[in-house]
């Protein structure tokens, strides 16, 4: 079974920082596009950032310049460095692994980790 193991969530004041981690297997890490999504209470899940196997990244407009997604090959792990956090960043953050071809799609999720930004 595919496992995506998340860590690093917590509570922080506005302007603070957190670093989320998502560890997976070597084959998932090397083949799938990895990303972070978030879901706040009463809202739809949204893509925060993604990183492809070649290192190319994409970010939601709301986090550009504040969040950085990265990969550590030795640990089969992706990270989300979250700086200058705002209350509206409060959500459950989910690690995602996705592989899409012309005829099929594979999509896996982590268990989620809570991020709370408040004064």
Protein backbone atom coordinates (compact mmCIF):
# COMPACT_ATOMS: atom_id res chain seq x y z
CA UNK A 1 0.00 0.00 0.00
CA UNK A 2 1.20 3.52 -0.80
CA UNK A 3 2.10 5.51 2.31
CA UNK A 4 2.53 9.26 2.47
CA UNK A 5 3.69 10.19 5.97
CA UNK A 6 3.23 13.84 6.89
CA UNK A 7 4.68 15.83 9.77
CA UNK A 8 5.49 19.38 10.82
CA UNK A 9 2.08 20.91 11.43
CA UNK A 10 1.31 22.99 14.48
CA UNK A 11 0.23 26.35 15.83
CA UNK A 12 2.08 29.56 15.02
CA UNK A 13 1.54 33.31 15.30
CA UNK A 14 1.00 35.47 12.20
CA UNK A 15 4.32 36.13 10.52
CA UNK A 16 5.81 32.90 11.81
CA UNK A 17 7.10 29.89 9.92
CA UNK A 18 6.51 26.15 9.73
CA UNK A 19 8.07 23.39 7.66
CA UNK A 20 5.93 20.46 6.57
CA UNK A 21 7.43 17.12 5.53
CA UNK A 22 6.01 14.23 3.52
CA UNK A 23 7.97 11.00 3.29
CA UNK A 24 7.13 8.38 0.68
CA UNK A 25 8.71 5.45 -1.15
CA UNK A 26 11.54 5.66 -3.64
CA UNK A 27 9.39 4.63 -6.60
CA UNK A 28 6.58 7.07 -5.79
CA UNK A 29 9.08 9.84 -5.20
CA UNK A 30 10.85 9.20 -8.50
CA UNK A 31 7.77 8.76 -10.74
CA UNK A 32 4.87 10.80 -9.33
CA UNK A 33 4.23 14.49 -9.22
CA UNK A 34 4.13 15.48 -5.54
CA UNK A 35 2.15 18.31 -4.02
CA UNK A 36 0.58 19.93 -1.02
CA UNK A 37 -3.12 20.68 -0.77
CA UNK A 38 -5.02 22.33 2.05
CA UNK A 39 -8.61 22.39 3.23
CA UNK A 40 -10.08 24.85 5.71
CA UNK A 41 -13.38 24.16 7.53
CA UNK A 42 -16.33 24.71 5.20
CA UNK A 43 -14.10 25.24 2.17
CA UNK A 44 -13.01 23.12 -0.77
CA UNK A 45 -9.61 21.50 -0.91
CA UNK A 46 -7.14 23.59 -2.90
CA UNK A 47 -3.72 23.01 -4.41
CA UNK A 48 -1.02 24.94 -2.57
CA UNK A 49 2.13 23.82 -4.38
CA UNK A 50 3.39 20.99 -6.56
CA UNK A 51 6.75 19.70 -7.70
CA UNK A 52 7.46 17.44 -10.66
CA UNK A 53 10.11 14.76 -10.89
CA UNK A 54 12.34 17.13 -12.84
CA UNK A 55 12.05 19.75 -10.10
CA UNK A 56 9.63 22.13 -11.77
CA UNK A 57 7.29 23.80 -9.27
CA UNK A 58 3.91 25.52 -9.25
CA UNK A 59 2.30 27.61 -6.51
CA UNK A 60 -1.11 28.99 -5.71
CA UNK A 61 -1.20 32.75 -6.10
CA UNK A 62 -2.04 33.15 -2.42
CA UNK A 63 1.27 31.61 -1.30
CA UNK A 64 3.73 32.80 -3.96
CA UNK A 65 6.76 34.41 -2.37
CA UNK A 66 5.95 32.93 1.04
CA UNK A 67 5.95 29.14 0.56
CA UNK A 68 8.61 26.95 -1.03
CA UNK A 69 8.19 23.31 -2.06
CA UNK A 70 11.31 21.18 -2.37
CA UNK A 71 12.53 17.59 -2.70
CA UNK A 72 15.18 15.66 -0.78
CA UNK A 73 16.08 12.63 -2.86
CA UNK A 74 18.11 10.85 -0.16
CA UNK A 75 15.05 10.62 2.11
CA UNK A 76 12.31 10.33 -0.57
CA UNK A 77 10.76 13.37 1.07
CA UNK A 78 9.13 16.60 -0.03
CA UNK A 79 8.92 19.71 2.11
CA UNK A 80 6.78 22.80 2.27
CA UNK A 81 8.59 25.72 3.87
CA UNK A 82 5.90 28.16 4.99
CA UNK A 83 7.07 31.69 5.87
CA UNK A 84 5.17 34.83 6.82
CA UNK A 85 2.13 32.78 7.73
CA UNK A 86 -1.28 34.41 7.80
CA UNK A 87 -4.50 33.44 9.60
CA UNK A 88 -6.03 32.53 6.25
CA UNK A 89 -3.36 29.84 5.88
CA UNK A 90 -5.08 27.91 8.68
CA UNK A 91 -6.15 24.54 7.28
CA UNK A 92 -5.45 20.85 7.23
CA UNK A 93 -2.57 20.30 4.82
CA UNK A 94 -2.44 17.10 2.78
CA UNK A 95 0.45 15.54 0.91
CA UNK A 96 -0.48 14.23 -2.53
CA UNK A 97 1.12 11.96 -5.11
CA UNK A 98 -0.28 12.05 -8.63
CA UNK A 99 0.47 10.29 -11.89
CA UNK A 100 -1.64 11.07 -14.94
CA UNK A 101 -1.33 9.50 -18.38
CA UNK A 102 -3.46 9.69 -21.51
CA UNK A 103 -5.65 6.82 -20.27
CA UNK A 104 -5.32 6.53 -16.50
CA UNK A 105 -4.77 8.43 -13.27
CA UNK A 106 -3.23 7.40 -9.96
CA UNK A 107 -3.80 9.65 -6.95
CA UNK A 108 -2.73 9.11 -3.34
CA UNK A 109 -3.16 11.19 -0.18
CA UNK A 110 -1.53 11.53 3.18
CA UNK A 111 -3.50 11.65 6.42
CA UNK A 112 -3.29 15.44 6.77
CA UNK A 113 -1.58 17.70 9.28
CA UNK A 114 -3.18 20.71 10.99
CA UNK A 115 -1.69 24.18 10.56
CA UNK A 116 -3.17 26.91 12.74
CA UNK A 117 -2.13 30.58 12.44
CA UNK A 118 -3.53 32.84 15.13
CA UNK A 119 -2.50 35.53 17.57
